[in-house]
Amino acid sequence: MSTSASMTTLSQVMTKLADRGYSEEIKIKKNGATLGSEDSTIYQPNELTIVRTYRFEGESDPADMSVLYVIETKDGKKGIFLNAYGTYSDQDSEYYDTFILGVPIDEKAELEELR
């Protein structure tokens, strides 16, 4: 059984991921997804892979519920996509569901240790 004192926080996981090169933010748009602010490449779901998913829940505030997708591109770039889940999710975006459901999942076991 874990307690809040022993739980890894979202910021701790994001810091550990950044140390492994997963620091660029992925943004889902109408025509695809972009990685970071400097790269103009537009990725389609089949050009990305979700390599790990982390879910976080706040102890007292439902607004603290979030999911962090760790993603790699076909051309070797690494990034993250952070989204709330529940009431505050981006799932009401007409592009979100179609896009994220189209991204294949191939989880990397070595990223489990970050949690």
PDB file of N, CA and C in Angstrom:
ATOM      1  N   MET A   1       0.842  -1.168   0.000  1.00  0.00           N
ATOM      2  CA  MET A   1       0.000   0.000   0.000  1.00  0.00           C
ATOM      3  C   MET A   1       0.891   1.236   0.000  1.00  0.00           C
ATOM      4  N   SER A   2       0.559   2.183  -0.874  1.00  0.00           N
ATOM      5  CA  SER A   2       1.354   3.400  -0.891  1.00  0.00           C
ATOM      6  C   SER A   2       0.572   4.535  -0.254  1.00  0.00           C
ATOM      7  N   THR A   3       1.315   5.456   0.293  1.00  0.00           N
ATOM      8  CA  THR A   3       0.707   6.626   0.903  1.00  0.00           C
ATOM      9  C   THR A   3       1.115   7.845   0.106  1.00  0.00           C
ATOM     10  N   SER A   4       0.455   8.960   0.349  1.00  0.00           N
ATOM     11  CA  SER A   4       0.811  10.169  -0.384  1.00  0.00           C
ATOM     12  C   SER A   4       2.265  10.565  -0.128  1.00  0.00           C
ATOM     13  N   ALA A   5       2.786  10.234   1.016  1.00  0.00           N
ATOM     14  CA  ALA A   5       4.178  10.563   1.333  1.00  0.00           C
ATOM     15  C   ALA A   5       5.145   9.767   0.463  1.00  0.00           C
ATOM     16  N   SER A   6       4.721   8.595  -0.018  1.00  0.00           N
ATOM     17  CA  SER A   6       5.618   7.767  -0.818  1.00  0.00           C
ATOM     18  C   SER A   6       5.324   7.862  -2.316  1.00  0.00           C
ATOM     19  N   MET A   7       4.304   8.592  -2.694  1.00  0.00           N
ATOM     20  CA  MET A   7       3.935   8.702  -4.094  1.00  0.00           C
ATOM     21  C   MET A   7       4.874   9.650  -4.824  1.00  0.00           C
ATOM     22  N   THR A   8       5.159   9.367  -6.068  1.00  0.00           N
ATOM     23  CA  THR A   8       5.954  10.251  -6.901  1.00  0.00           C
ATOM     24  C   THR A   8       5.012  11.273  -7.524  1.00  0.00           C
ATOM     25  N   THR A   9       5.382  12.524  -7.488  1.00  0.00           N
ATOM     26  CA  THR A   9       4.523  13.570  -8.017  1.00  0.00           C
ATOM     27  C   THR A   9       4.706  13.727  -9.517  1.00  0.00           C
ATOM     28  N   LEU A  10       3.765  14.404 -10.130  1.00  0.00           N
ATOM     29  CA  LEU A  10       3.836  14.696 -11.554  1.00  0.00           C
ATOM     30  C   LEU A  10       5.127  15.438 -11.881  1.00  0.00           C
ATOM     31  N   SER A  11       5.460  16.447 -11.114  1.00  0.00           N
ATOM     32  CA  SER A  11       6.671  17.224 -11.401  1.00  0.00           C
ATOM     33  C   SER A  11       7.934  16.368 -11.260  1.00  0.00           C
ATOM     34  N   GLN A  12       7.958  15.452 -10.297  1.00  0.00           N
ATOM     35  CA  GLN A  12       9.120  14.570 -10.147  1.00  0.00           C
ATOM     36  C   GLN A  12       9.269  13.655 -11.360  1.00  0.00           C
ATOM     37  N   VAL A  13       8.156  13.095 -11.831  1.00  0.00           N
ATOM     38  CA  VAL A  13       8.209  12.225 -13.015  1.00  0.00           C
ATOM     39  C   VAL A  13       8.639  13.027 -14.237  1.00  0.00           C
ATOM     40  N   MET A  14       8.106  14.233 -14.406  1.00  0.00           N
ATOM     41  CA  MET A  14       8.474  15.058 -15.554  1.00  0.00           C
ATOM     42  C   MET A  14       9.961  15.420 -15.519  1.00  0.00           C
ATOM     43  N   THR A  15      10.504  15.676 -14.348  1.00  0.00           N
ATOM     44  CA  THR A  15      11.930  15.968 -14.221  1.00  0.00           C
ATOM     45  C   THR A  15      12.763  14.756 -14.608  1.00  0.00           C
ATOM     46  N   LYS A  16      12.378  13.585 -14.135  1.00  0.00           N
ATOM     47  CA  LYS A  16      13.103  12.356 -14.474  1.00  0.00           C
ATOM     48  C   LYS A  16      13.014  12.055 -15.963  1.00  0.00           C
ATOM     49  N   LEU A  17      11.844  12.305 -16.557  1.00  0.00           N
ATOM     50  CA  LEU A  17      11.687  12.094 -17.997  1.00  0.00           C
ATOM     51  C   LEU A  17      12.563  13.065 -18.791  1.00  0.00           C
ATOM     52  N   ALA A  18      12.615  14.320 -18.349  1.00  0.00           N
ATOM     53  CA  ALA A  18      13.451  15.319 -19.028  1.00  0.00           C
ATOM     54  C   ALA A  18      14.913  14.896 -18.998  1.00  0.00           C
ATOM     55  N   ASP A  19      15.347  14.295 -17.898  1.00  0.00           N
ATOM     56  CA  ASP A  19      16.718  13.794 -17.799  1.00  0.00           C
ATOM     57  C   ASP A  19      16.998  12.701 -18.819  1.00  0.00           C
ATOM     58  N   ARG A  20      15.948  12.032 -19.282  1.00  0.00           N
ATOM     59  CA  ARG A  20      16.080  10.974 -20.290  1.00  0.00           C
ATOM     60  C   ARG A  20      15.740  11.473 -21.692  1.00  0.00           C
ATOM     61  N   GLY A  21      15.556  12.771 -21.827  1.00  0.00           N
ATOM     62  CA  GLY A  21      15.334  13.354 -23.148  1.00  0.00           C
ATOM     63  C   GLY A  21      13.882  13.613 -23.521  1.00  0.00           C
ATOM     64  N   TYR A  22      12.951  13.295 -22.630  1.00  0.00           N
ATOM     65  CA  TYR A  22      11.530  13.510 -22.902  1.00  0.00           C
ATOM     66  C   TYR A  22      11.106  14.863 -22.322  1.00  0.00           C
ATOM     67  N   SER A  23      11.463  15.926 -23.018  1.00  0.00           N
ATOM     68  CA  SER A  23      11.183  17.251 -22.461  1.00  0.00           C
ATOM     69  C   SER A  23      10.315  18.123 -23.355  1.00  0.00           C
ATOM     70  N   GLU A  24      10.230  17.796 -24.622  1.00  0.00           N
ATOM     71  CA  GLU A  24       9.444  18.611 -25.545  1.00  0.00           C
ATOM     72  C   GLU A  24       7.958  18.329 -25.385  1.00  0.00           C
ATOM     73  N   GLU A  25       7.164  19.387 -25.390  1.00  0.00           N
ATOM     74  CA  GLU A  25       5.715  19.235 -25.256  1.00  0.00           C
ATOM     75  C   GLU A  25       5.082  18.971 -26.613  1.00  0.00           C
ATOM     76  N   ILE A  26       4.179  18.018 -26.638  1.00  0.00           N
ATOM     77  CA  ILE A  26       3.440  17.691 -27.852  1.00  0.00           C
ATOM     78  C   ILE A  26       2.109  18.417 -27.804  1.00  0.00           C
ATOM     79  N   LYS A  27       1.761  19.053 -28.927  1.00  0.00           N
ATOM     80  CA  LYS A  27       0.487  19.765 -29.029  1.00  0.00           C
ATOM     81  C   LYS A  27      -0.321  19.153 -30.164  1.00  0.00           C
ATOM     82  N   ILE A  28      -1.554  18.773 -29.849  1.00  0.00           N
ATOM     83  CA  ILE A  28      -2.441  18.184 -30.843  1.00  0.00           C
ATOM     84  C   ILE A  28      -3.248  19.305 -31.489  1.00  0.00           C
ATOM     85  N   LYS A  29      -3.216  19.324 -32.818  1.00  0.00           N
ATOM     86  CA  LYS A  29      -3.919  20.338 -33.593  1.00  0.00           C
ATOM     87  C   LYS A  29      -4.795  19.654 -34.642  1.00  0.00           C
ATOM     88  N   LYS A  30      -5.509  20.439 -35.384  1.00  0.00           N
ATOM     89  CA  LYS A  30      -6.425  19.914 -36.401  1.00  0.00           C
ATOM     90  C   LYS A  30      -5.701  19.045 -37.430  1.00  0.00           C
ATOM     91  N   ASN A  31      -4.519  19.484 -37.877  1.00  0.00           N
ATOM     92  CA  ASN A  31      -3.811  18.778 -38.945  1.00  0.00           C
ATOM     93  C   ASN A  31      -2.775  17.772 -38.452  1.00  0.00           C
ATOM     94  N   GLY A  32      -2.651  17.589 -37.141  1.00  0.00           N
ATOM     95  CA  GLY A  32      -1.687  16.644 -36.588  1.00  0.00           C
ATOM     96  C   GLY A  32      -1.122  17.157 -35.284  1.00  0.00           C
ATOM     97  N   ALA A  33       0.049  16.669 -34.922  1.00  0.00           N
ATOM     98  CA  ALA A  33       0.681  17.071 -33.661  1.00  0.00           C
ATOM     99  C   ALA A  33       2.050  17.653 -33.944  1.00  0.00           C
ATOM    100  N   THR A  34       2.442  18.612 -33.117  1.00  0.00           N
ATOM    101  CA  THR A  34       3.773  19.187 -33.208  1.00  0.00           C
ATOM    102  C   THR A  34       4.535  18.874 -31.924  1.00  0.00           C
ATOM    103  N   LEU A  35       5.839  18.888 -32.029  1.00  0.00           N
ATOM    104  CA  LEU A  35       6.715  18.563 -30.905  1.00  0.00           C
ATOM    105  C   LEU A  35       7.603  19.756 -30.619  1.00  0.00           C
ATOM    106  N   GLY A  36       7.382  20.408 -29.484  1.00  0.00           N
ATOM    107  CA  GLY A  36       8.176  21.565 -29.116  1.00  0.00           C
ATOM    108  C   GLY A  36       7.835  22.787 -29.941  1.00  0.00           C
ATOM    109  N   SER A  37       8.428  23.896 -29.594  1.00  0.00           N
ATOM    110  CA  SER A  37       8.126  25.148 -30.281  1.00  0.00           C
ATOM    111  C   SER A  37       9.059  25.423 -31.456  1.00  0.00           C
ATOM    112  N   GLU A  38      10.180  24.739 -31.518  1.00  0.00           N
ATOM    113  CA  GLU A  38      11.171  24.991 -32.565  1.00  0.00           C
ATOM    114  C   GLU A  38      10.977  24.114 -33.806  1.00  0.00           C
ATOM    115  N   ASP A  39      10.282  23.012 -33.672  1.00  0.00           N
ATOM    116  CA  ASP A  39      10.148  22.042 -34.757  1.00  0.00           C
ATOM    117  C   ASP A  39       8.821  22.262 -35.481  1.00  0.00           C
ATOM    118  N   SER A  40       8.874  22.425 -36.781  1.00  0.00           N
ATOM    119  CA  SER A  40       7.650  22.650 -37.554  1.00  0.00           C
ATOM    120  C   SER A  40       7.077  21.354 -38.132  1.00  0.00           C
ATOM    121  N   THR A  41       7.706  20.223 -37.834  1.00  0.00           N
ATOM    122  CA  THR A  41       7.219  18.942 -38.324  1.00  0.00           C
ATOM    123  C   THR A  41       5.842  18.655 -37.742  1.00  0.00           C
ATOM    124  N   ILE A  42       4.948  18.192 -38.598  1.00  0.00           N
ATOM    125  CA  ILE A  42       3.608  17.810 -38.151  1.00  0.00           C
ATOM    126  C   ILE A  42       3.513  16.292 -38.232  1.00  0.00           C
ATOM    127  N   TYR A  43       3.197  15.682 -37.097  1.00  0.00           N
ATOM    128  CA  TYR A  43       3.127  14.227 -36.992  1.00  0.00           C
ATOM    129  C   TYR A  43       1.679  13.757 -37.001  1.00  0.00           C
ATOM    130  N   GLN A  44       1.465  12.643 -37.662  1.00  0.00           N
ATOM    131  CA  GLN A  44       0.176  11.969 -37.641  1.00  0.00           C
ATOM    132  C   GLN A  44       0.248  10.867 -36.580  1.00  0.00           C
ATOM    133  N   PRO A  45      -0.894  10.369 -36.112  1.00  0.00           N
ATOM    134  CA  PRO A  45      -0.871   9.360 -35.039  1.00  0.00           C
ATOM    135  C   PRO A  45       0.039   8.162 -35.320  1.00  0.00           C
ATOM    136  N   ASN A  46       0.066   7.700 -36.563  1.00  0.00           N
ATOM    137  CA  ASN A  46       0.880   6.520 -36.886  1.00  0.00           C
ATOM    138  C   ASN A  46       2.370   6.821 -36.925  1.00  0.00           C
ATOM    139  N   GLU A  47       2.760   8.092 -36.758  1.00  0.00           N
ATOM    140  CA  GLU A  47       4.168   8.475 -36.727  1.00  0.00           C
ATOM    141  C   GLU A  47       4.674   8.650 -35.289  1.00  0.00           C
ATOM    142  N   LEU A  48       3.800   8.360 -34.337  1.00  0.00           N
ATOM    143  CA  LEU A  48       4.118   8.477 -32.914  1.00  0.00           C
ATOM    144  C   LEU A  48       3.876   7.142 -32.230  1.00  0.00           C
ATOM    145  N   THR A  49       4.484   6.962 -31.073  1.00  0.00           N
ATOM    146  CA  THR A  49       4.237   5.795 -30.239  1.00  0.00           C
ATOM    147  C   THR A  49       4.181   6.248 -28.791  1.00  0.00           C
ATOM    148  N   ILE A  50       3.151   5.833 -28.087  1.00  0.00           N
ATOM    149  CA  ILE A  50       3.068   6.077 -26.649  1.00  0.00           C
ATOM    150  C   ILE A  50       3.920   5.004 -25.980  1.00  0.00           C
ATOM    151  N   VAL A  51       4.987   5.426 -25.293  1.00  0.00           N
ATOM    152  CA  VAL A  51       5.895   4.461 -24.675  1.00  0.00           C
ATOM    153  C   VAL A  51       5.656   4.305 -23.169  1.00  0.00           C
ATOM    154  N   ARG A  52       4.849   5.172 -22.597  1.00  0.00           N
ATOM    155  CA  ARG A  52       4.464   5.029 -21.187  1.00  0.00           C
ATOM    156  C   ARG A  52       3.353   6.024 -20.904  1.00  0.00           C
ATOM    157  N   THR A  53       2.467   5.639 -20.015  1.00  0.00           N
ATOM    158  CA  THR A  53       1.388   6.507 -19.562  1.00  0.00           C
ATOM    159  C   THR A  53       1.407   6.525 -18.040  1.00  0.00           C
ATOM    160  N   TYR A  54       1.326   7.714 -17.477  1.00  0.00           N
ATOM    161  CA  TYR A  54       1.261   7.883 -16.027  1.00  0.00           C
ATOM    162  C   TYR A  54      -0.024   8.629 -15.694  1.00  0.00           C
ATOM    163  N   ARG A  55      -0.734   8.170 -14.688  1.00  0.00           N
ATOM    164  CA  ARG A  55      -1.935   8.864 -14.220  1.00  0.00           C
ATOM    165  C   ARG A  55      -1.679   9.369 -12.810  1.00  0.00           C
ATOM    166  N   PHE A  56      -2.190  10.570 -12.565  1.00  0.00           N
ATOM    167  CA  PHE A  56      -2.013  11.210 -11.267  1.00  0.00           C
ATOM    168  C   PHE A  56      -3.369  11.673 -10.766  1.00  0.00           C
ATOM    169  N   GLU A  57      -3.592  11.506  -9.474  1.00  0.00           N
ATOM    170  CA  GLU A  57      -4.827  11.953  -8.846  1.00  0.00           C
ATOM    171  C   GLU A  57      -4.494  12.742  -7.600  1.00  0.00           C
ATOM    172  N   GLY A  58      -5.128  13.903  -7.477  1.00  0.00           N
ATOM    173  CA  GLY A  58      -4.948  14.713  -6.276  1.00  0.00           C
ATOM    174  C   GLY A  58      -5.707  14.080  -5.122  1.00  0.00           C
ATOM    175  N   GLU A  59      -5.233  14.308  -3.925  1.00  0.00           N
ATOM    176  CA  GLU A  59      -5.870  13.715  -2.750  1.00  0.00           C
ATOM    177  C   GLU A  59      -7.226  14.326  -2.448  1.00  0.00           C
ATOM    178  N   SER A  60      -7.387  15.619  -2.691  1.00  0.00           N
ATOM    179  CA  SER A  60      -8.633  16.259  -2.290  1.00  0.00           C
ATOM    180  C   SER A  60      -9.317  17.050  -3.394  1.00  0.00           C
ATOM    181  N   ASP A  61      -8.647  17.277  -4.506  1.00  0.00           N
ATOM    182  CA  ASP A  61      -9.206  18.125  -5.546  1.00  0.00           C
ATOM    183  C   ASP A  61      -9.304  17.360  -6.861  1.00  0.00           C
ATOM    184  N   PRO A  62     -10.515  17.125  -7.364  1.00  0.00           N
ATOM    185  CA  PRO A  62     -10.670  16.426  -8.640  1.00  0.00           C
ATOM    186  C   PRO A  62      -9.969  17.136  -9.792  1.00  0.00           C
ATOM    187  N   ALA A  63      -9.722  18.431  -9.662  1.00  0.00           N
ATOM    188  CA  ALA A  63      -9.029  19.174 -10.710  1.00  0.00           C
ATOM    189  C   ALA A  63      -7.576  18.738 -10.846  1.00  0.00           C
ATOM    190  N   ASP A  64      -7.059  18.009  -9.873  1.00  0.00           N
ATOM    191  CA  ASP A  64      -5.673  17.549  -9.909  1.00  0.00           C
ATOM    192  C   ASP A  64      -5.483  16.256 -10.695  1.00  0.00           C
ATOM    193  N   MET A  65      -6.535  15.701 -11.263  1.00  0.00           N
ATOM    194  CA  MET A  65      -6.420  14.458 -12.013  1.00  0.00           C
ATOM    195  C   MET A  65      -5.800  14.757 -13.381  1.00  0.00           C
ATOM    196  N   SER A  66      -4.740  14.024 -13.714  1.00  0.00           N
ATOM    197  CA  SER A  66      -4.090  14.241 -15.000  1.00  0.00           C
ATOM    198  C   SER A  66      -3.483  12.941 -15.513  1.00  0.00           C
ATOM    199  N   VAL A  67      -3.214  12.950 -16.807  1.00  0.00           N
ATOM    200  CA  VAL A  67      -2.543  11.831 -17.440  1.00  0.00           C
ATOM    201  C   VAL A  67      -1.367  12.402 -18.226  1.00  0.00           C
ATOM    202  N   LEU A  68      -0.230  11.730 -18.130  1.00  0.00           N
ATOM    203  CA  LEU A  68       0.983  12.139 -18.833  1.00  0.00           C
ATOM    204  C   LEU A  68       1.344  11.025 -19.812  1.00  0.00           C
ATOM    205  N   TYR A  69       1.323  11.364 -21.102  1.00  0.00           N
ATOM    206  CA  TYR A  69       1.728  10.419 -22.139  1.00  0.00           C
ATOM    207  C   TYR A  69       3.180  10.697 -22.488  1.00  0.00           C
ATOM    208  N   VAL A  70       3.998   9.660 -22.493  1.00  0.00           N
ATOM    209  CA  VAL A  70       5.395   9.758 -22.904  1.00  0.00           C
ATOM    210  C   VAL A  70       5.436   9.201 -24.321  1.00  0.00           C
ATOM    211  N   ILE A  71       5.927  10.028 -25.253  1.00  0.00           N
ATOM    212  CA  ILE A  71       5.775   9.709 -26.674  1.00  0.00           C
ATOM    213  C   ILE A  71       7.113   9.798 -27.389  1.00  0.00           C
ATOM    214  N   GLU A  72       7.291   8.883 -28.351  1.00  0.00           N
ATOM    215  CA  GLU A  72       8.448   8.928 -29.246  1.00  0.00           C
ATOM    216  C   GLU A  72       7.938   9.018 -30.677  1.00  0.00           C
ATOM    217  N   THR A  73       8.687   9.731 -31.509  1.00  0.00           N
ATOM    218  CA  THR A  73       8.321   9.864 -32.913  1.00  0.00           C
ATOM    219  C   THR A  73       9.052   8.811 -33.737  1.00  0.00           C
ATOM    220  N   LYS A  74       8.574   8.577 -34.933  1.00  0.00           N
ATOM    221  CA  LYS A  74       9.228   7.607 -35.827  1.00  0.00           C
ATOM    222  C   LYS A  74      10.643   8.052 -36.183  1.00  0.00           C
ATOM    223  N   ASP A  75      10.899   9.369 -36.144  1.00  0.00           N
ATOM    224  CA  ASP A  75      12.235   9.857 -36.479  1.00  0.00           C
ATOM    225  C   ASP A  75      13.120  10.062 -35.248  1.00  0.00           C
ATOM    226  N   GLY A  76      12.735   9.438 -34.112  1.00  0.00           N
ATOM    227  CA  GLY A  76      13.605   9.375 -32.938  1.00  0.00           C
ATOM    228  C   GLY A  76      13.504  10.505 -31.933  1.00  0.00           C
ATOM    229  N   LYS A  77      12.549  11.395 -32.097  1.00  0.00           N
ATOM    230  CA  LYS A  77      12.400  12.484 -31.127  1.00  0.00           C
ATOM    231  C   LYS A  77      11.541  12.020 -29.961  1.00  0.00           C
ATOM    232  N   LYS A  78      11.699  12.696 -28.820  1.00  0.00           N
ATOM    233  CA  LYS A  78      10.991  12.301 -27.600  1.00  0.00           C
ATOM    234  C   LYS A  78      10.204  13.482 -27.061  1.00  0.00           C
ATOM    235  N   GLY A  79       9.009  13.200 -26.543  1.00  0.00           N
ATOM    236  CA  GLY A  79       8.207  14.275 -25.995  1.00  0.00           C
ATOM    237  C   GLY A  79       7.182  13.770 -25.004  1.00  0.00           C
ATOM    238  N   ILE A  80       6.432  14.719 -24.468  1.00  0.00           N
ATOM    239  CA  ILE A  80       5.381  14.398 -23.507  1.00  0.00           C
ATOM    240  C   ILE A  80       4.112  15.147 -23.881  1.00  0.00           C
ATOM    241  N   PHE A  81       3.002  14.556 -23.511  1.00  0.00           N
ATOM    242  CA  PHE A  81       1.709  15.203 -23.684  1.00  0.00           C
ATOM    243  C   PHE A  81       0.978  15.083 -22.360  1.00  0.00           C
ATOM    244  N   LEU A  82       0.692  16.205 -21.747  1.00  0.00           N
ATOM    245  CA  LEU A  82       0.021  16.238 -20.450  1.00  0.00           C
ATOM    246  C   LEU A  82      -1.404  16.701 -20.654  1.00  0.00           C
ATOM    247  N   ASN A  83      -2.334  15.974 -20.055  1.00  0.00           N
ATOM    248  CA  ASN A  83      -3.736  16.328 -20.171  1.00  0.00           C
ATOM    249  C   ASN A  83      -4.440  16.016 -18.855  1.00  0.00           C
ATOM    250  N   ALA A  84      -5.392  16.839 -18.543  1.00  0.00           N
ATOM    251  CA  ALA A  84      -6.269  16.527 -17.410  1.00  0.00           C
ATOM    252  C   ALA A  84      -7.166  15.377 -17.838  1.00  0.00           C
ATOM    253  N   TYR A  85      -7.708  14.662 -16.880  1.00  0.00           N
ATOM    254  CA  TYR A  85      -8.768  13.734 -17.256  1.00  0.00           C
ATOM    255  C   TYR A  85      -9.937  13.967 -16.334  1.00  0.00           C
ATOM    256  N   GLY A  86     -11.065  13.488 -16.768  1.00  0.00           N
ATOM    257  CA  GLY A  86     -12.284  13.811 -16.041  1.00  0.00           C
ATOM    258  C   GLY A  86     -12.864  15.112 -16.572  1.00  0.00           C
ATOM    259  N   THR A  87     -13.402  15.912 -15.713  1.00  0.00           N
ATOM    260  CA  THR A  87     -14.097  17.146 -16.075  1.00  0.00           C
ATOM    261  C   THR A  87     -13.234  18.115 -16.869  1.00  0.00           C
ATOM    262  N   TYR A  88     -11.940  18.188 -16.573  1.00  0.00           N
ATOM    263  CA  TYR A  88     -11.082  19.196 -17.176  1.00  0.00           C
ATOM    264  C   TYR A  88     -10.281  18.692 -18.379  1.00  0.00           C
ATOM    265  N   SER A  89     -10.641  17.552 -18.920  1.00  0.00           N
ATOM    266  CA  SER A  89      -9.914  16.948 -20.024  1.00  0.00           C
ATOM    267  C   SER A  89     -10.090  17.717 -21.328  1.00  0.00           C
ATOM    268  N   ASP A  90      -9.089  17.580 -22.214  1.00  0.00           N
ATOM    269  CA  ASP A  90      -9.194  18.116 -23.571  1.00  0.00           C
ATOM    270  C   ASP A  90     -10.039  17.215 -24.454  1.00  0.00           C
ATOM    271  N   GLN A  91     -10.607  16.194 -23.882  1.00  0.00           N
ATOM    272  CA  GLN A  91     -11.356  15.243 -24.693  1.00  0.00           C
ATOM    273  C   GLN A  91     -12.572  15.864 -25.358  1.00  0.00           C
ATOM    274  N   ASP A  92     -12.949  17.074 -24.965  1.00  0.00           N
ATOM    275  CA  ASP A  92     -14.049  17.719 -25.651  1.00  0.00           C
ATOM    276  C   ASP A  92     -13.600  18.348 -26.971  1.00  0.00           C
ATOM    277  N   SER A  93     -12.297  18.416 -27.214  1.00  0.00           N
ATOM    278  CA  SER A  93     -11.787  18.882 -28.497  1.00  0.00           C
ATOM    279  C   SER A  93     -12.151  17.857 -29.558  1.00  0.00           C
ATOM    280  N   GLU A  94     -12.611  18.339 -30.685  1.00  0.00           N
ATOM    281  CA  GLU A  94     -13.029  17.415 -31.739  1.00  0.00           C
ATOM    282  C   GLU A  94     -11.868  16.615 -32.318  1.00  0.00           C
ATOM    283  N   TYR A  95     -10.623  17.059 -32.100  1.00  0.00           N
ATOM    284  CA  TYR A  95      -9.458  16.376 -32.660  1.00  0.00           C
ATOM    285  C   TYR A  95      -8.800  15.417 -31.674  1.00  0.00           C
ATOM    286  N   TYR A  96      -8.976  15.665 -30.397  1.00  0.00           N
ATOM    287  CA  TYR A  96      -8.247  14.922 -29.374  1.00  0.00           C
ATOM    288  C   TYR A  96      -8.517  13.421 -29.427  1.00  0.00           C
ATOM    289  N   ASP A  97      -9.776  13.026 -29.307  1.00  0.00           N
ATOM    290  CA  ASP A  97     -10.113  11.598 -29.251  1.00  0.00           C
ATOM    291  C   ASP A  97      -9.595  10.838 -30.460  1.00  0.00           C
ATOM    292  N   THR A  98      -9.888  11.349 -31.637  1.00  0.00           N
ATOM    293  CA  THR A  98      -9.474  10.670 -32.862  1.00  0.00           C
ATOM    294  C   THR A  98      -7.961  10.544 -32.912  1.00  0.00           C
ATOM    295  N   PHE A  99      -7.271  11.611 -32.551  1.00  0.00           N
ATOM    296  CA  PHE A  99      -5.814  11.604 -32.628  1.00  0.00           C
ATOM    297  C   PHE A  99      -5.209  10.640 -31.616  1.00  0.00           C
ATOM    298  N   ILE A 100      -5.504  10.826 -30.346  1.00  0.00           N
ATOM    299  CA  ILE A 100      -4.832  10.041 -29.292  1.00  0.00           C
ATOM    300  C   ILE A 100      -5.183   8.556 -29.392  1.00  0.00           C
ATOM    301  N   LEU A 101      -6.393   8.243 -29.816  1.00  0.00           N
ATOM    302  CA  LEU A 101      -6.770   6.835 -29.981  1.00  0.00           C
ATOM    303  C   LEU A 101      -6.062   6.183 -31.166  1.00  0.00           C
ATOM    304  N   GLY A 102      -5.555   7.000 -32.088  1.00  0.00           N
ATOM    305  CA  GLY A 102      -4.842   6.472 -33.241  1.00  0.00           C
ATOM    306  C   GLY A 102      -3.360   6.262 -33.015  1.00  0.00           C
ATOM    307  N   VAL A 103      -2.843   6.710 -31.876  1.00  0.00           N
ATOM    308  CA  VAL A 103      -1.414   6.563 -31.586  1.00  0.00           C
ATOM    309  C   VAL A 103      -1.166   5.167 -31.008  1.00  0.00           C
ATOM    310  N   PRO A 104      -0.304   4.387 -31.669  1.00  0.00           N
ATOM    311  CA  PRO A 104      -0.011   3.049 -31.141  1.00  0.00           C
ATOM    312  C   PRO A 104       0.696   3.107 -29.789  1.00  0.00           C
ATOM    313  N   ILE A 105       0.534   2.053 -29.014  1.00  0.00           N
ATOM    314  CA  ILE A 105       1.143   1.951 -27.685  1.00  0.00           C
ATOM    315  C   ILE A 105       2.149   0.812 -27.688  1.00  0.00           C
ATOM    316  N   ASP A 106       3.351   1.103 -27.231  1.00  0.00           N
ATOM    317  CA  ASP A 106       4.393   0.091 -27.069  1.00  0.00           C
ATOM    318  C   ASP A 106       5.206   0.508 -25.847  1.00  0.00           C
ATOM    319  N   GLU A 107       4.702   0.169 -24.665  1.00  0.00           N
ATOM    320  CA  GLU A 107       5.282   0.673 -23.428  1.00  0.00           C
ATOM    321  C   GLU A 107       6.679   0.116 -23.174  1.00  0.00           C
ATOM    322  N   LYS A 108       7.541   0.997 -22.713  1.00  0.00           N
ATOM    323  CA  LYS A 108       8.906   0.642 -22.350  1.00  0.00           C
ATOM    324  C   LYS A 108       8.972   0.361 -20.865  1.00  0.00           C
ATOM    325  N   ALA A 109       9.385  -0.829 -20.497  1.00  0.00           N
ATOM    326  CA  ALA A 109       9.454  -1.225 -19.104  1.00  0.00           C
ATOM    327  C   ALA A 109      10.402  -0.362 -18.284  1.00  0.00           C
ATOM    328  N   GLU A 110      11.484   0.112 -18.918  1.00  0.00           N
ATOM    329  CA  GLU A 110      12.459   0.897 -18.164  1.00  0.00           C
ATOM    330  C   GLU A 110      11.917   2.234 -17.687  1.00  0.00           C
ATOM    331  N   LEU A 111      10.802   2.694 -18.227  1.00  0.00           N
ATOM    332  CA  LEU A 111      10.204   3.941 -17.770  1.00  0.00           C
ATOM    333  C   LEU A 111       9.265   3.735 -16.580  1.00  0.00           C
ATOM    334  N   GLU A 112       8.935   2.499 -16.276  1.00  0.00           N
ATOM    335  CA  GLU A 112       8.092   2.201 -15.121  1.00  0.00           C
ATOM    336  C   GLU A 112       8.776   2.587 -13.817  1.00  0.00           C
ATOM    337  N   GLU A 113      10.082   2.445 -13.769  1.00  0.00           N
ATOM    338  CA  GLU A 113      10.825   2.724 -12.553  1.00  0.00           C
ATOM    339  C   GLU A 113      10.750   4.195 -12.134  1.00  0.00           C
ATOM    340  N   LEU A 114      10.345   5.076 -13.022  1.00  0.00           N
ATOM    341  CA  LEU A 114      10.247   6.492 -12.695  1.00  0.00           C
ATOM    342  C   LEU A 114       9.104   6.772 -11.734  1.00  0.00           C
ATOM    343  N   ARG A 115       8.156   5.916 -11.662  1.00  0.00           N
ATOM    344  CA  ARG A 115       6.981   6.101 -10.816  1.00  0.00           C
ATOM    345  C   ARG A 115       7.257   5.542  -9.490  1.00  0.00           C
TER     346      ARG A 115
END
